[in-house]
Amino acid sequence: MKKKKETSIDDLAIMIKKSFDYVEKRFNGVDKRFNNVDKRFDKVEKRLDNLEAGQEEIKQKFNFTVHRFELKELEYELRNWKSKADKNILTNILTND
């Protein structure tokens, strides 16, 4: 029968240190992965910022275009009214003479 080796306090200390070293090594790997994830999120955030800025630019151009069409429509209406007013004035002048 094999004799059981007794574990000394120093042996226990070495085993615990090895365990902590292993856990520390694993945490370092996890930290690196989190750093990579953080970098990727930073890139995504920058892209979203660019998209939002582009969207604002599109909104401004759209609003400008809408206002331009409204202005053109108002100019058209004004020309029509002016033309009608000119005809009425001319008709009044011709009929009153």
Protein backbone atom coordinates (compact mmCIF):
# COMPACT_ATOMS: atom_id res chain seq x y z
CA MET A 1 0.00 0.00 0.00
CA LYS A 2 1.21 3.47 -0.94
CA LYS A 3 1.94 5.83 1.80
CA LYS A 4 0.01 9.09 1.52
CA LYS A 5 2.27 12.10 1.19
CA GLU A 6 1.48 14.80 3.65
CA THR A 7 1.01 18.27 2.25
CA SER A 8 2.95 20.98 3.96
CA ILE A 9 1.89 24.60 4.33
CA ASP A 10 4.52 25.53 1.75
CA ASP A 11 3.02 23.03 -0.68
CA LEU A 12 -0.42 24.56 -0.12
CA ALA A 13 1.00 28.04 -0.65
CA ILE A 14 2.56 26.97 -3.95
CA MET A 15 -0.71 25.38 -5.12
CA ILE A 16 -2.68 28.50 -4.23
CA LYS A 17 -0.14 30.74 -5.98
CA LYS A 18 -0.36 28.60 -9.13
CA SER A 19 -4.14 28.87 -9.02
CA PHE A 20 -4.00 32.63 -8.63
CA ASP A 21 -1.46 32.90 -11.44
CA TYR A 22 -3.76 30.86 -13.69
CA VAL A 23 -6.76 33.02 -12.81
CA GLU A 24 -4.72 36.20 -13.36
CA LYS A 25 -3.63 34.94 -16.78
CA ARG A 26 -7.26 34.23 -17.69
CA PHE A 27 -8.35 37.68 -16.50
CA ASN A 28 -5.63 39.29 -18.60
CA GLY A 29 -7.07 37.49 -21.62
CA VAL A 30 -10.55 38.68 -20.73
CA ASP A 31 -9.26 42.24 -20.29
CA LYS A 32 -7.71 42.14 -23.76
CA ARG A 33 -10.97 40.93 -25.23
CA PHE A 34 -12.90 43.68 -23.46
CA ASN A 35 -10.44 46.25 -24.77
CA ASN A 36 -11.07 44.97 -28.28
CA VAL A 37 -14.82 45.15 -27.72
CA ASP A 38 -14.44 48.72 -26.41
CA LYS A 39 -12.48 49.68 -29.54
CA ARG A 40 -15.18 48.18 -31.74
CA PHE A 41 -17.90 50.05 -29.84
CA ASP A 42 -15.92 53.26 -30.28
CA LYS A 43 -15.86 52.66 -34.03
CA VAL A 44 -19.60 51.94 -34.08
CA GLU A 45 -20.27 55.08 -32.06
CA LYS A 46 -18.23 57.18 -34.52
CA ARG A 47 -20.14 55.69 -37.42
CA LEU A 48 -23.45 56.46 -35.74
CA ASP A 49 -22.32 60.03 -35.12
CA ASN A 50 -21.46 60.34 -38.82
CA LEU A 51 -24.85 58.91 -39.78
CA GLU A 52 -26.63 61.35 -37.49
CA ALA A 53 -24.67 64.26 -38.94
CA GLY A 54 -25.51 63.08 -42.46
CA GLN A 55 -29.15 62.74 -41.51
CA GLU A 56 -29.19 66.34 -40.23
CA GLU A 57 -27.67 67.50 -43.50
CA ILE A 58 -30.35 65.61 -45.44
CA LYS A 59 -33.08 67.16 -43.28
CA GLN A 60 -31.70 70.64 -43.92
CA LYS A 61 -31.54 70.06 -47.67
CA PHE A 62 -35.06 68.64 -47.66
CA ASN A 63 -36.40 71.59 -45.68
CA PHE A 64 -34.66 73.99 -48.05
CA THR A 65 -36.16 72.18 -51.04
CA VAL A 66 -39.64 72.23 -49.51
CA HIS A 67 -39.35 75.96 -48.79
CA ARG A 68 -38.09 76.56 -52.30
CA PHE A 69 -41.12 74.77 -53.77
CA GLU A 70 -43.43 76.73 -51.48
CA LEU A 71 -41.75 79.95 -52.59
CA LYS A 72 -42.12 79.00 -56.27
CA GLU A 73 -45.80 78.22 -55.68
CA LEU A 74 -46.32 81.58 -53.97
CA GLU A 75 -44.51 83.38 -56.82
CA TYR A 76 -46.79 81.62 -59.32
CA GLU A 77 -49.90 82.62 -57.38
CA LEU A 78 -48.66 86.20 -57.09
CA ARG A 79 -48.05 86.38 -60.84
CA ASN A 80 -51.56 85.07 -61.49
CA TRP A 81 -53.11 87.61 -59.13
CA LYS A 82 -51.03 90.41 -60.62
CA SER A 83 -52.05 89.37 -64.11
CA LYS A 84 -55.71 89.33 -63.11
CA ALA A 85 -55.36 92.66 -61.35
CA ASP A 86 -53.67 94.17 -64.41
CA LYS A 87 -56.51 92.89 -66.63
CA ASN A 88 -59.11 94.30 -64.27
CA ILE A 89 -57.37 97.67 -64.13
CA LEU A 90 -57.06 97.74 -67.90
CA THR A 91 -60.70 96.74 -68.31
CA ASN A 92 -61.80 99.45 -65.86
CA ILE A 93 -59.72 102.06 -67.68
CA LEU A 94 -61.10 101.06 -71.06
CA THR A 95 -64.71 100.91 -69.91
CA ASN A 96 -64.61 104.12 -67.89
CA ASP A 97 -63.26 106.27 -70.70
